[in-house]
Every structure is written in C-alpha cells, then in structure tokens.
Amino acid sequence: MSRAFILAVLLLAAMGAMAAQAADFVVIVHPQVGVNALKLEELRRIYRKKRTEWPDGKAIIPFDHAGSSDLRRSFCRKVLGATVSEVQNYWINQRMTAGITGPKVFKSATLVKRFVANTPGGIAYIAPDEVDDTVKVVAIDGL
C-alpha cells in the first residue's frame, strides 16, 4: 500500500471520529419554544442559569442527566468547559451563596425527553437517536 493511501485512510478515520464526537448529543426544547437556534455561549448561560427567559419572556427550564451519564460528561465538557464534578461543585456554591439550584436531574434519557416535551420552556440534550416529534431540536452555533 502506498503512503498516500494509508494517510488518506487515517485522515478519513479521524474525520469520522470527529463527526461522531460532534453528534453525540442534540439540544432539544419544548415544541412551542420560539427558538430554532442558539449560540454556544447562550446555551452555556442557560445551563449556568445566567439566562432565565426565552425571547418571549417565558421561563427557561433546563433539565439534565445524571452525573454518571456519558451524555452529561460530553455536554459538560463541550458546552460548559468543565467536568461533571466541577459543574456539581458550581451548583453547590450557587445554592450556598445565592440560593440558586441547578437544573433538575433525571436518571434516564426517556424522562429527560418526556419532561422537555411536557414543560413549556423546557430545554435539555439527548442522543440524536432519541429525538421524536414530541420535542424540537435546536441548532447550536459554535458547537
């Protein structure tokens, strides 16, 4: 085999791995949320509860996965720029200093999706293959 062929195969494999990493979760909202896209920084602010209202003035209600979830580890790293432990410590500090609690946590992706689908203003993230017509996928610019 030629060097060029081997390099091409390695490059394609690396590109496939990057694409798989980028697509390990999608952000979903309640179907009536009037937003189709968010910037990465906006999503970060939502999950730090620094942004609490949608453009129409309705409350943003973020939901999260259990700390042991691979999805949560990926979301924390890619969106919040932190480990799950660092995010959990952030919420302990926020609760003690400002009385603010973190997003409600569920142990199953099914419950996360169900709560978003049934909660006006709800937002969360799930695996792409979990998406159905009960929720709306939001594009994230910068992710």
Protein backbone atom coordinates (compact mmCIF):
# COMPACT_ATOMS: atom_id res chain seq x y z
CA MET A 1 0.00 0.00 0.00
CA SER A 2 1.19 3.49 -0.75
CA ARG A 3 1.86 6.09 1.90
CA ALA A 4 -0.77 8.36 0.33
CA PHE A 5 -3.40 5.63 0.64
CA ILE A 6 -2.54 4.97 4.28
CA LEU A 7 -2.61 8.70 5.07
CA ALA A 8 -5.98 9.05 3.32
CA VAL A 9 -7.43 6.16 5.35
CA LEU A 10 -6.10 7.67 8.60
CA LEU A 11 -7.50 11.09 7.70
CA LEU A 12 -10.93 9.66 6.91
CA ALA A 13 -10.93 7.71 10.18
CA ALA A 14 -10.02 10.86 12.13
CA MET A 15 -12.73 12.87 10.38
CA GLY A 16 -15.28 10.16 11.17
CA ALA A 17 -14.27 10.20 14.83
CA MET A 18 -14.63 13.99 14.96
CA ALA A 19 -18.06 13.82 13.34
CA ALA A 20 -19.16 11.16 15.82
CA GLN A 21 -17.98 13.31 18.72
CA ALA A 22 -19.81 16.35 17.40
CA ALA A 23 -23.05 14.39 17.10
CA ASP A 24 -23.13 12.61 20.47
CA PHE A 25 -25.98 14.86 21.66
CA VAL A 26 -28.53 17.29 20.31
CA VAL A 27 -30.23 20.11 22.18
CA ILE A 28 -33.99 19.88 22.41
CA VAL A 29 -36.71 22.25 23.57
CA HIS A 30 -40.43 22.12 24.17
CA PRO A 31 -42.15 22.28 20.74
CA GLN A 32 -43.69 25.71 21.47
CA VAL A 33 -40.40 27.42 22.30
CA GLY A 34 -39.98 30.04 19.59
CA VAL A 35 -36.25 29.46 19.13
CA ASN A 36 -34.67 27.35 16.39
CA ALA A 37 -31.02 28.12 17.10
CA LEU A 38 -28.81 29.26 19.97
CA LYS A 39 -25.21 30.35 20.15
CA LEU A 40 -22.96 28.15 22.25
CA GLU A 41 -22.50 30.98 24.76
CA GLU A 42 -26.30 31.32 25.13
CA LEU A 43 -26.61 27.60 25.86
CA ARG A 44 -23.78 27.88 28.38
CA ARG A 45 -25.58 30.78 30.11
CA ILE A 46 -28.85 28.81 30.18
CA TYR A 47 -27.15 25.86 31.88
CA ARG A 48 -25.49 28.17 34.40
CA LYS A 49 -28.88 29.87 34.96
CA LYS A 50 -27.47 33.21 33.89
CA ARG A 51 -30.12 33.39 31.16
CA THR A 52 -33.54 32.50 32.51
CA GLU A 53 -36.07 33.67 29.89
CA TRP A 54 -36.81 32.91 26.26
CA PRO A 55 -37.21 35.90 23.91
CA ASP A 56 -40.99 35.83 24.51
CA GLY A 57 -40.44 36.29 28.27
CA LYS A 58 -41.36 32.73 29.26
CA ALA A 59 -39.13 30.96 31.78
CA ILE A 60 -36.34 28.70 30.55
CA ILE A 61 -36.42 25.39 32.40
CA PRO A 62 -33.27 23.33 31.83
CA PHE A 63 -33.16 19.62 32.56
CA ASP A 64 -30.05 17.49 32.98
CA HIS A 65 -28.85 13.90 33.04
CA ALA A 66 -27.35 12.03 35.99
CA GLY A 67 -23.68 12.72 36.71
CA SER A 68 -22.73 9.19 35.71
CA SER A 69 -24.15 9.65 32.20
CA ASP A 70 -21.74 9.66 29.24
CA LEU A 71 -24.05 12.21 27.63
CA ARG A 72 -23.67 14.54 30.60
CA ARG A 73 -19.88 14.18 30.63
CA SER A 74 -19.78 15.12 26.97
CA PHE A 75 -22.21 18.03 27.40
CA CYS A 76 -20.29 19.41 30.39
CA ARG A 77 -17.01 19.23 28.52
CA LYS A 78 -18.24 20.64 25.18
CA VAL A 79 -20.76 23.21 26.39
CA LEU A 80 -19.73 24.18 29.91
CA GLY A 81 -15.99 23.62 29.51
CA ALA A 82 -15.87 21.70 32.77
CA THR A 83 -16.04 18.21 34.23
CA VAL A 84 -19.23 16.89 35.80
CA SER A 85 -17.60 17.29 39.24
CA GLU A 86 -16.72 20.91 38.53
CA VAL A 87 -20.30 21.61 37.45
CA GLN A 88 -21.67 19.88 40.55
CA ASN A 89 -19.35 21.99 42.73
CA TYR A 90 -20.53 25.11 40.89
CA TRP A 91 -24.13 24.28 41.83
CA ILE A 92 -23.22 23.58 45.47
CA ASN A 93 -21.58 27.01 45.59
CA GLN A 94 -24.54 28.69 43.87
CA ARG A 95 -27.02 27.09 46.26
CA MET A 96 -24.99 28.17 49.30
CA THR A 97 -24.16 31.71 48.17
CA ALA A 98 -27.12 32.73 46.02
CA GLY A 99 -29.87 30.22 46.81
CA ILE A 100 -29.93 29.07 43.18
CA THR A 101 -30.29 25.39 42.38
CA GLY A 102 -29.12 23.64 39.24
CA PRO A 103 -31.23 22.04 36.55
CA LYS A 104 -33.45 19.15 37.62
CA VAL A 105 -31.56 15.91 37.05
CA PHE A 106 -33.07 12.68 35.72
CA LYS A 107 -31.51 9.23 35.64
CA SER A 108 -32.93 8.29 32.23
CA ALA A 109 -32.89 9.97 28.83
CA THR A 110 -36.53 8.94 28.42
CA LEU A 111 -37.51 11.04 31.44
CA VAL A 112 -35.41 13.99 30.27
CA LYS A 113 -37.19 13.98 26.91
CA ARG A 114 -40.62 13.46 28.49
CA PHE A 115 -40.16 16.43 30.81
CA VAL A 116 -39.00 18.70 27.98
CA ALA A 117 -41.97 17.61 25.87
CA ASN A 118 -44.40 18.36 28.72
CA THR A 119 -42.82 21.51 30.18
CA PRO A 120 -43.36 24.80 28.36
CA GLY A 121 -39.93 26.46 28.25
CA GLY A 122 -38.12 23.15 28.77
CA ILE A 123 -34.65 22.55 27.33
CA ALA A 124 -32.27 19.59 27.53
CA TYR A 125 -29.94 17.46 25.46
CA ILE A 126 -30.34 13.87 24.35
CA ALA A 127 -28.74 11.38 21.99
CA PRO A 128 -29.66 12.06 18.35
CA ASP A 129 -31.41 8.69 18.02
CA GLU A 130 -33.77 9.61 20.90
CA VAL A 131 -35.35 12.52 19.01
CA ASP A 132 -39.00 12.21 18.03
CA ASP A 133 -41.86 14.58 17.24
CA THR A 134 -42.60 15.33 20.92
CA VAL A 135 -39.62 17.73 21.07
CA LYS A 136 -37.90 20.24 18.80
CA VAL A 137 -34.18 20.13 18.00
CA VAL A 138 -32.34 23.44 18.29
CA ALA A 139 -29.19 24.14 16.28
CA ILE A 140 -26.21 25.28 18.34
CA ASP A 141 -23.91 27.74 16.61
CA GLY A 142 -20.32 27.12 17.68
CA LEU A 143 -20.71 23.53 18.81
